[in-house]
Each structure stands twice: as C-alpha cells, then as structure tokens.
PDB file of all heavy atoms in Angstrom:
ATOM      1  N   ASP A   1      34.302-122.949 144.800  1.00  0.00           N
ATOM      2  CA  ASP A   1      35.010-123.284 146.128  1.00  0.00           C
ATOM      3  C   ASP A   1      36.602-123.077 145.774  1.00  0.00           C
ATOM      4  O   ASP A   1      37.223-122.351 146.531  1.00  0.00           O
ATOM      5  CB  ASP A   1      34.737-124.686 146.560  1.00  0.00           C
ATOM      6  CG  ASP A   1      33.347-124.606 147.082  1.00  0.00           C
ATOM      7  OD1 ASP A   1      32.683-123.751 147.204  1.00  0.00           O
ATOM      8  OD2 ASP A   1      32.932-125.918 147.413  1.00  0.00           O
ATOM      9  N   LEU A   2      37.054-123.574 144.579  1.00  0.00           N
ATOM     10  CA  LEU A   2      38.524-123.492 144.460  1.00  0.00           C
ATOM     11  C   LEU A   2      38.827-122.035 144.115  1.00  0.00           C
ATOM     12  O   LEU A   2      39.888-121.602 144.692  1.00  0.00           O
ATOM     13  CB  LEU A   2      38.809-124.357 143.064  1.00  0.00           C
ATOM     14  CG  LEU A   2      40.270-124.274 142.685  1.00  0.00           C
ATOM     15  CD1 LEU A   2      41.152-124.900 143.804  1.00  0.00           C
ATOM     16  CD2 LEU A   2      40.448-125.201 141.478  1.00  0.00           C
ATOM     17  N   ARG A   3      37.994-121.268 143.385  1.00  0.00           N
ATOM     18  CA  ARG A   3      38.271-119.889 143.181  1.00  0.00           C
ATOM     19  C   ARG A   3      38.236-119.133 144.486  1.00  0.00           C
ATOM     20  O   ARG A   3      39.034-118.217 144.717  1.00  0.00           O
ATOM     21  CB  ARG A   3      37.295-119.449 142.118  1.00  0.00           C
ATOM     22  CG  ARG A   3      37.570-117.961 141.706  1.00  0.00           C
ATOM     23  CD  ARG A   3      36.866-117.645 140.423  1.00  0.00           C
ATOM     24  NE  ARG A   3      37.485-116.350 139.939  1.00  0.00           N
ATOM     25  CZ  ARG A   3      38.496-116.303 139.091  1.00  0.00           C
ATOM     26  NH1 ARG A   3      39.214-117.158 138.839  1.00  0.00           N
ATOM     27  NH2 ARG A   3      38.873-115.042 138.795  1.00  0.00           N
ATOM     28  N   ASN A   4      37.212-119.315 145.254  1.00  0.00           N
ATOM     29  CA  ASN A   4      37.028-118.602 146.455  1.00  0.00           C
ATOM     30  C   ASN A   4      38.237-118.954 147.345  1.00  0.00           C
ATOM     31  O   ASN A   4      38.840-117.913 148.109  1.00  0.00           O
ATOM     32  CB  ASN A   4      35.816-119.037 147.329  1.00  0.00           C
ATOM     33  CG  ASN A   4      34.523-118.514 146.544  1.00  0.00           C
ATOM     34  OD1 ASN A   4      34.681-117.542 145.905  1.00  0.00           O
ATOM     35  ND2 ASN A   4      33.427-119.088 146.859  1.00  0.00           N
ATOM     36  N   GLU A   5      38.750-120.043 147.500  1.00  0.00           N
ATOM     37  CA  GLU A   5      39.918-120.422 148.270  1.00  0.00           C
ATOM     38  C   GLU A   5      41.214-119.748 147.680  1.00  0.00           C
ATOM     39  O   GLU A   5      41.874-119.168 148.518  1.00  0.00           O
ATOM     40  CB  GLU A   5      40.168-122.020 148.362  1.00  0.00           C
ATOM     41  CG  GLU A   5      41.223-122.462 149.133  1.00  0.00           C
ATOM     42  CD  GLU A   5      41.408-123.973 149.118  1.00  0.00           C
ATOM     43  OE1 GLU A   5      40.386-124.619 149.124  1.00  0.00           O
ATOM     44  OE2 GLU A   5      42.625-124.448 148.986  1.00  0.00           O
ATOM     45  N   SER A   6      41.325-119.683 146.405  1.00  0.00           N
ATOM     46  CA  SER A   6      42.531-118.929 145.929  1.00  0.00           C
ATOM     47  C   SER A   6      42.382-117.529 146.088  1.00  0.00           C
ATOM     48  O   SER A   6      43.518-116.849 146.508  1.00  0.00           O
ATOM     49  CB  SER A   6      42.548-119.220 144.398  1.00  0.00           C
ATOM     50  OG  SER A   6      42.772-120.609 144.142  1.00  0.00           O
ATOM     51  N   GLU A   7      41.252-116.969 146.004  1.00  0.00           N
ATOM     52  CA  GLU A   7      41.014-115.393 146.351  1.00  0.00           C
ATOM     53  C   GLU A   7      41.284-115.094 147.774  1.00  0.00           C
ATOM     54  O   GLU A   7      42.013-114.053 148.044  1.00  0.00           O
ATOM     55  CB  GLU A   7      39.613-114.993 145.851  1.00  0.00           C
ATOM     56  CG  GLU A   7      39.429-114.935 144.413  1.00  0.00           C
ATOM     57  CD  GLU A   7      37.968-114.475 144.003  1.00  0.00           C
ATOM     58  OE1 GLU A   7      37.246-114.358 144.820  1.00  0.00           O
ATOM     59  OE2 GLU A   7      37.850-114.493 142.776  1.00  0.00           O
ATOM     60  N   LYS A   8      40.910-115.990 148.663  1.00  0.00           N
ATOM     61  CA  LYS A   8      41.110-115.707 150.107  1.00  0.00           C
ATOM     62  C   LYS A   8      42.641-115.802 150.366  1.00  0.00           C
ATOM     63  O   LYS A   8      43.164-115.032 151.107  1.00  0.00           O
ATOM     64  CB  LYS A   8      40.371-116.766 150.934  1.00  0.00           C
ATOM     65  CG  LYS A   8      40.534-116.552 152.420  1.00  0.00           C
ATOM     66  CD  LYS A   8      39.878-117.615 153.238  1.00  0.00           C
ATOM     67  CE  LYS A   8      40.154-117.439 154.720  1.00  0.00           C
ATOM     68  NZ  LYS A   8      41.371-117.012 155.168  1.00  0.00           N
ATOM     69  N   TYR A   9      43.294-116.818 149.845  1.00  0.00           N
ATOM     70  CA  TYR A   9      44.823-116.903 149.995  1.00  0.00           C
ATOM     71  C   TYR A   9      45.521-115.647 149.508  1.00  0.00           C
ATOM     72  O   TYR A   9      46.329-115.095 150.248  1.00  0.00           O
ATOM     73  CB  TYR A   9      45.256-118.181 149.180  1.00  0.00           C
ATOM     74  CG  TYR A   9      46.705-118.330 149.161  1.00  0.00           C
ATOM     75  CD1 TYR A   9      47.393-118.625 150.389  1.00  0.00           C
ATOM     76  CD2 TYR A   9      47.474-117.999 148.154  1.00  0.00           C
ATOM     77  CE1 TYR A   9      48.776-118.816 150.299  1.00  0.00           C
ATOM     78  CE2 TYR A   9      48.906-118.140 147.930  1.00  0.00           C
ATOM     79  CZ  TYR A   9      49.536-118.474 149.179  1.00  0.00           C
ATOM     80  OH  TYR A   9      50.860-118.656 149.195  1.00  0.00           O
ATOM     81  N   LEU A  10      45.124-115.222 148.325  1.00  0.00           N
ATOM     82  CA  LEU A  10      45.692-113.994 147.831  1.00  0.00           C
ATOM     83  C   LEU A  10      45.440-112.829 148.678  1.00  0.00           C
ATOM     84  O   LEU A  10      46.162-111.851 148.783  1.00  0.00           O
ATOM     85  CB  LEU A  10      45.234-113.681 146.312  1.00  0.00           C
ATOM     86  CG  LEU A  10      45.843-114.622 145.334  1.00  0.00           C
ATOM     87  CD1 LEU A  10      45.168-114.518 143.953  1.00  0.00           C
ATOM     88  CD2 LEU A  10      47.331-114.517 145.133  1.00  0.00           C
ATOM     89  N   GLY A  11      44.207-112.704 149.084  1.00  0.00           N
ATOM     90  CA  GLY A  11      43.825-111.559 150.010  1.00  0.00           C
ATOM     91  C   GLY A  11      44.558-111.575 151.291  1.00  0.00           C
ATOM     92  O   GLY A  11      45.086-110.568 151.848  1.00  0.00           O
ATOM     93  N   ASP A  12      44.857-112.900 151.858  1.00  0.00           N
ATOM     94  CA  ASP A  12      45.674-112.948 153.079  1.00  0.00           C
ATOM     95  C   ASP A  12      47.091-112.631 152.825  1.00  0.00           C
ATOM     96  O   ASP A  12      47.605-111.850 153.641  1.00  0.00           O
ATOM     97  CB  ASP A  12      45.636-114.494 153.645  1.00  0.00           C
ATOM     98  CG  ASP A  12      44.244-114.937 154.239  1.00  0.00           C
ATOM     99  OD1 ASP A  12      43.520-113.863 154.406  1.00  0.00           O
ATOM    100  OD2 ASP A  12      43.886-116.059 154.411  1.00  0.00           O
ATOM    101  N   LEU A  13      47.633-113.036 151.650  1.00  0.00           N
ATOM    102  CA  LEU A  13      48.941-112.408 151.310  1.00  0.00           C
ATOM    103  C   LEU A  13      48.998-110.972 151.253  1.00  0.00           C
ATOM    104  O   LEU A  13      50.011-110.464 151.791  1.00  0.00           O
ATOM    105  CB  LEU A  13      49.372-113.032 149.968  1.00  0.00           C
ATOM    106  CG  LEU A  13      49.713-114.526 149.924  1.00  0.00           C
ATOM    107  CD1 LEU A  13      50.127-114.886 148.462  1.00  0.00           C
ATOM    108  CD2 LEU A  13      50.989-114.753 150.850  1.00  0.00           C
ATOM    109  N   ALA A  14      48.102-110.319 150.733  1.00  0.00           N
ATOM    110  CA  ALA A  14      48.070-108.889 150.585  1.00  0.00           C
ATOM    111  C   ALA A  14      47.983-108.244 151.880  1.00  0.00           C
ATOM    112  O   ALA A  14      48.720-107.281 152.227  1.00  0.00           O
ATOM    113  CB  ALA A  14      47.006-108.371 149.715  1.00  0.00           C
ATOM    114  N   LYS A  15      47.116-108.753 152.921  1.00  0.00           N
ATOM    115  CA  LYS A  15      47.064-108.173 154.282  1.00  0.00           C
ATOM    116  C   LYS A  15      48.462-108.224 154.964  1.00  0.00           C
ATOM    117  O   LYS A  15      48.648-107.345 155.729  1.00  0.00           O
ATOM    118  CB  LYS A  15      45.957-108.864 154.985  1.00  0.00           C
ATOM    119  CG  LYS A  15      44.491-108.643 154.549  1.00  0.00           C
ATOM    120  CD  LYS A  15      43.560-109.480 155.366  1.00  0.00           C
ATOM    121  CE  LYS A  15      42.170-109.295 154.734  1.00  0.00           C
ATOM    122  NZ  LYS A  15      41.214-110.192 155.413  1.00  0.00           N
ATOM    123  N   ALA A  16      49.183-109.275 154.613  1.00  0.00           N
ATOM    124  CA  ALA A  16      50.450-109.413 155.350  1.00  0.00           C
ATOM    125  C   ALA A  16      51.551-108.529 154.803  1.00  0.00           C
ATOM    126  O   ALA A  16      52.659-108.450 155.294  1.00  0.00           O
ATOM    127  CB  ALA A  16      50.850-110.922 155.422  1.00  0.00           C
ATOM    128  N   SER A  17      51.383-108.060 153.575  1.00  0.00           N
ATOM    129  CA  SER A  17      52.228-107.195 152.877  1.00  0.00           C
ATOM    130  C   SER A  17      52.621-105.928 153.424  1.00  0.00           C
ATOM    131  O   SER A  17      51.659-105.168 153.730  1.00  0.00           O
ATOM    132  CB  SER A  17      51.840-107.037 151.428  1.00  0.00           C
ATOM    133  OG  SER A  17      52.549-106.219 150.759  1.00  0.00           O
ATOM    134  N   VAL A  18      53.678-105.613 153.847  1.00  0.00           N
ATOM    135  CA  VAL A  18      54.160-104.279 154.227  1.00  0.00           C
ATOM    136  C   VAL A  18      53.840-103.235 153.254  1.00  0.00           C
ATOM    137  O   VAL A  18      53.309-102.140 153.612  1.00  0.00           O
ATOM    138  CB  VAL A  18      55.594-104.207 154.641  1.00  0.00           C
ATOM    139  CG1 VAL A  18      56.050-102.765 154.937  1.00  0.00           C
ATOM    140  CG2 VAL A  18      56.008-105.154 155.714  1.00  0.00           C
ATOM    141  N   PHE A  19      54.013-103.327 151.936  1.00  0.00           N
ATOM    142  CA  PHE A  19      53.645-102.580 150.997  1.00  0.00           C
ATOM    143  C   PHE A  19      52.120-102.126 150.959  1.00  0.00           C
ATOM    144  O   PHE A  19      51.660-101.027 151.016  1.00  0.00           O
ATOM    145  CB  PHE A  19      54.038-103.085 149.568  1.00  0.00           C
ATOM    146  CG  PHE A  19      53.405-102.268 148.381  1.00  0.00           C
ATOM    147  CD1 PHE A  19      54.104-101.077 148.011  1.00  0.00           C
ATOM    148  CD2 PHE A  19      52.311-102.628 147.767  1.00  0.00           C
ATOM    149  CE1 PHE A  19      53.625-100.237 147.088  1.00  0.00           C
ATOM    150  CE2 PHE A  19      51.883-101.872 146.657  1.00  0.00           C
ATOM    151  CZ  PHE A  19      52.439-100.715 146.410  1.00  0.00           C
ATOM    152  N   TRP A  20      51.291-103.145 151.026  1.00  0.00           N
ATOM    153  CA  TRP A  20      49.792-103.003 151.012  1.00  0.00           C
ATOM    154  C   TRP A  20      49.422-102.244 152.245  1.00  0.00           C
ATOM    155  O   TRP A  20      48.459-101.454 152.228  1.00  0.00           O
ATOM    156  CB  TRP A  20      48.982-104.267 150.612  1.00  0.00           C
ATOM    157  CG  TRP A  20      49.081-104.534 149.229  1.00  0.00           C
ATOM    158  CD1 TRP A  20      49.637-105.630 148.593  1.00  0.00           C
ATOM    159  CD2 TRP A  20      48.637-103.728 148.154  1.00  0.00           C
ATOM    160  NE1 TRP A  20      49.644-105.507 147.328  1.00  0.00           N
ATOM    161  CE2 TRP A  20      48.977-104.402 146.959  1.00  0.00           C
ATOM    162  CE3 TRP A  20      48.007-102.487 148.184  1.00  0.00           C
ATOM    163  CZ2 TRP A  20      48.674-103.798 145.737  1.00  0.00           C
ATOM    164  CZ3 TRP A  20      47.619-102.048 146.758  1.00  0.00           C
ATOM    165  CH2 TRP A  20      47.955-102.634 145.621  1.00  0.00           C
ATOM    166  N   ARG A  21      49.971-102.691 153.449  1.00  0.00           N
ATOM    167  CA  ARG A  21      49.561-102.009 154.712  1.00  0.00           C
ATOM    168  C   ARG A  21      49.878-100.662 154.625  1.00  0.00           C
ATOM    169  O   ARG A  21      48.942 -99.738 155.031  1.00  0.00           O
ATOM    170  CB  ARG A  21      50.264-102.732 155.811  1.00  0.00           C
ATOM    171  CG  ARG A  21      49.560-104.062 156.328  1.00  0.00           C
ATOM    172  CD  ARG A  21      50.209-104.612 157.483  1.00  0.00           C
ATOM    173  NE  ARG A  21      50.432-103.627 158.514  1.00  0.00           N
ATOM    174  CZ  ARG A  21      51.451-103.733 159.480  1.00  0.00           C
ATOM    175  NH1 ARG A  21      52.185-104.691 159.490  1.00  0.00           N
ATOM    176  NH2 ARG A  21      51.572-102.764 160.372  1.00  0.00           N
ATOM    177  N   ARG A  22      51.143-100.204 154.235  1.00  0.00           N
ATOM    178  CA  ARG A  22      51.515 -98.883 154.100  1.00  0.00           C
ATOM    179  C   ARG A  22      50.486 -98.108 153.047  1.00  0.00           C
ATOM    180  O   ARG A  22      50.007 -96.956 153.271  1.00  0.00           O
ATOM    181  CB  ARG A  22      52.959 -98.724 153.736  1.00  0.00           C
ATOM    182  CG  ARG A  22      53.359 -97.183 153.515  1.00  0.00           C
ATOM    183  CD  ARG A  22      54.796 -97.198 153.273  1.00  0.00           C
ATOM    184  NE  ARG A  22      55.260 -95.845 152.851  1.00  0.00           N
ATOM    185  CZ  ARG A  22      55.205 -94.772 153.737  1.00  0.00           C
ATOM    186  NH1 ARG A  22      54.919 -94.830 154.980  1.00  0.00           N
ATOM    187  NH2 ARG A  22      55.755 -93.607 153.131  1.00  0.00           N
ATOM    188  N   THR A  23      50.330 -98.621 151.905  1.00  0.00           N
ATOM    189  CA  THR A  23      49.391 -98.062 150.867  1.00  0.00           C
ATOM    190  C   THR A  23      48.081 -97.789 151.456  1.00  0.00           C
ATOM    191  O   THR A  23      47.529 -96.743 151.376  1.00  0.00           O
ATOM    192  CB  THR A  23      49.318 -98.947 149.681  1.00  0.00           C
ATOM    193  OG1 THR A  23      50.704 -99.217 149.192  1.00  0.00           O
ATOM    194  CG2 THR A  23      48.451 -98.392 148.589  1.00  0.00           C
ATOM    195  N   ILE A  24      47.438 -98.825 152.261  1.00  0.00           N
ATOM    196  CA  ILE A  24      46.174 -98.506 152.818  1.00  0.00           C
ATOM    197  C   ILE A  24      46.245 -97.492 153.821  1.00  0.00           C
ATOM    198  O   ILE A  24      45.381 -96.451 153.874  1.00  0.00           O
ATOM    199  CB  ILE A  24      45.641 -99.855 153.284  1.00  0.00           C
ATOM    200  CG1 ILE A  24      45.326-100.883 152.177  1.00  0.00           C
ATOM    201  CG2 ILE A  24      44.363 -99.555 154.226  1.00  0.00           C
ATOM    202  CD1 ILE A  24      45.049-102.270 152.573  1.00  0.00           C
ATOM    203  N   PHE A  25      47.128 -97.493 154.705  1.00  0.00           N
ATOM    204  CA  PHE A  25      47.282 -96.469 155.803  1.00  0.00           C
ATOM    205  C   PHE A  25      47.390 -95.111 155.063  1.00  0.00           C
ATOM    206  O   PHE A  25      46.833 -94.205 155.563  1.00  0.00           O
ATOM    207  CB  PHE A  25      48.413 -96.761 156.717  1.00  0.00           C
ATOM    208  CG  PHE A  25      48.060 -97.707 157.782  1.00  0.00           C
ATOM    209  CD1 PHE A  25      48.832 -98.852 157.952  1.00  0.00           C
ATOM    210  CD2 PHE A  25      46.974 -97.636 158.713  1.00  0.00           C
ATOM    211  CE1 PHE A  25      48.614 -99.892 158.981  1.00  0.00           C
ATOM    212  CE2 PHE A  25      46.694 -98.583 159.608  1.00  0.00           C
ATOM    213  CZ  PHE A  25      47.448 -99.635 159.845  1.00  0.00           C
ATOM    214  N   LEU A  26      48.290 -95.021 154.200  1.00  0.00           N
ATOM    215  CA  LEU A  26      48.549 -93.744 153.503  1.00  0.00           C
ATOM    216  C   LEU A  26      47.179 -93.098 152.874  1.00  0.00           C
ATOM    217  O   LEU A  26      46.909 -92.094 153.058  1.00  0.00           O
ATOM    218  CB  LEU A  26      49.682 -93.829 152.510  1.00  0.00           C
ATOM    219  CG  LEU A  26      50.932 -93.816 152.929  1.00  0.00           C
ATOM    220  CD1 LEU A  26      51.978 -94.128 151.755  1.00  0.00           C
ATOM    221  CD2 LEU A  26      51.401 -92.447 153.531  1.00  0.00           C
ATOM    222  N   ALA A  27      46.389 -94.116 152.257  1.00  0.00           N
ATOM    223  CA  ALA A  27      45.167 -93.640 151.584  1.00  0.00           C
ATOM    224  C   ALA A  27      44.247 -93.166 152.737  1.00  0.00           C
ATOM    225  O   ALA A  27      43.595 -92.097 152.351  1.00  0.00           O
ATOM    226  CB  ALA A  27      44.616 -94.817 150.806  1.00  0.00           C
ATOM    227  N   VAL A  28      44.066 -93.874 153.753  1.00  0.00           N
ATOM    228  CA  VAL A  28      43.108 -93.443 154.761  1.00  0.00           C
ATOM    229  C   VAL A  28      43.570 -92.169 155.335  1.00  0.00           C
ATOM    230  O   VAL A  28      42.780 -91.270 155.598  1.00  0.00           O
ATOM    231  CB  VAL A  28      43.102 -94.613 155.859  1.00  0.00           C
ATOM    232  CG1 VAL A  28      42.246 -94.118 157.006  1.00  0.00           C
ATOM    233  CG2 VAL A  28      42.327 -95.843 155.192  1.00  0.00           C
ATOM    234  N   ALA A  29      44.899 -92.001 155.771  1.00  0.00           N
ATOM    235  CA  ALA A  29      45.311 -90.775 156.342  1.00  0.00           C
ATOM    236  C   ALA A  29      45.201 -89.647 155.338  1.00  0.00           C
ATOM    237  O   ALA A  29      44.975 -88.541 155.947  1.00  0.00           O
ATOM    238  CB  ALA A  29      46.787 -91.013 156.837  1.00  0.00           C
ATOM    239  N   ARG A  30      45.628 -89.775 154.246  1.00  0.00           N
ATOM    240  CA  ARG A  30      45.532 -88.620 153.202  1.00  0.00           C
ATOM    241  C   ARG A  30      44.112 -88.189 153.026  1.00  0.00           C
ATOM    242  O   ARG A  30      43.790 -87.073 153.055  1.00  0.00           O
ATOM    243  CB  ARG A  30      46.017 -89.198 151.815  1.00  0.00           C
ATOM    244  CG  ARG A  30      46.237 -87.950 150.931  1.00  0.00           C
ATOM    245  CD  ARG A  30      47.037 -88.475 149.549  1.00  0.00           C
ATOM    246  NE  ARG A  30      48.307 -88.623 149.804  1.00  0.00           N
ATOM    247  CZ  ARG A  30      49.058 -89.654 149.712  1.00  0.00           C
ATOM    248  NH1 ARG A  30      48.435 -90.810 149.315  1.00  0.00           N
ATOM    249  NH2 ARG A  30      50.343 -89.747 149.938  1.00  0.00           N
ATOM    250  N   GLN A  31      43.029 -89.299 153.069  1.00  0.00           N
ATOM    251  CA  GLN A  31      41.675 -88.905 153.091  1.00  0.00           C
ATOM    252  C   GLN A  31      41.287 -88.043 154.247  1.00  0.00           C
ATOM    253  O   GLN A  31      40.600 -86.970 154.083  1.00  0.00           O
ATOM    254  CB  GLN A  31      40.777 -90.135 153.011  1.00  0.00           C
ATOM    255  CG  GLN A  31      39.303 -89.774 153.001  1.00  0.00           C
ATOM    256  CD  GLN A  31      38.998 -89.070 151.633  1.00  0.00           C
ATOM    257  OE1 GLN A  31      39.449 -89.215 150.679  1.00  0.00           O
ATOM    258  NE2 GLN A  31      37.807 -88.059 151.903  1.00  0.00           N
TER     259      GLN A  31
END
C-alpha cells in the first residue's frame, strides 16, 4: 500500500509536469 501510494504520487507529479506533457504530446504527434 505504501509503495502504491508513493507510485501514484509520483505519477500525478509527472502528469502535471509541462516537460512530460510536451514529451508525451510530441511522441504521439511524431508517431
């Protein structure tokens, strides 16, 4: 449970990241 909670927190941080959003959009668009 502790590990899952920590992984969810890190995942939420990545989703809010401008860098990761741009990286994901670029990868999808390039594809």
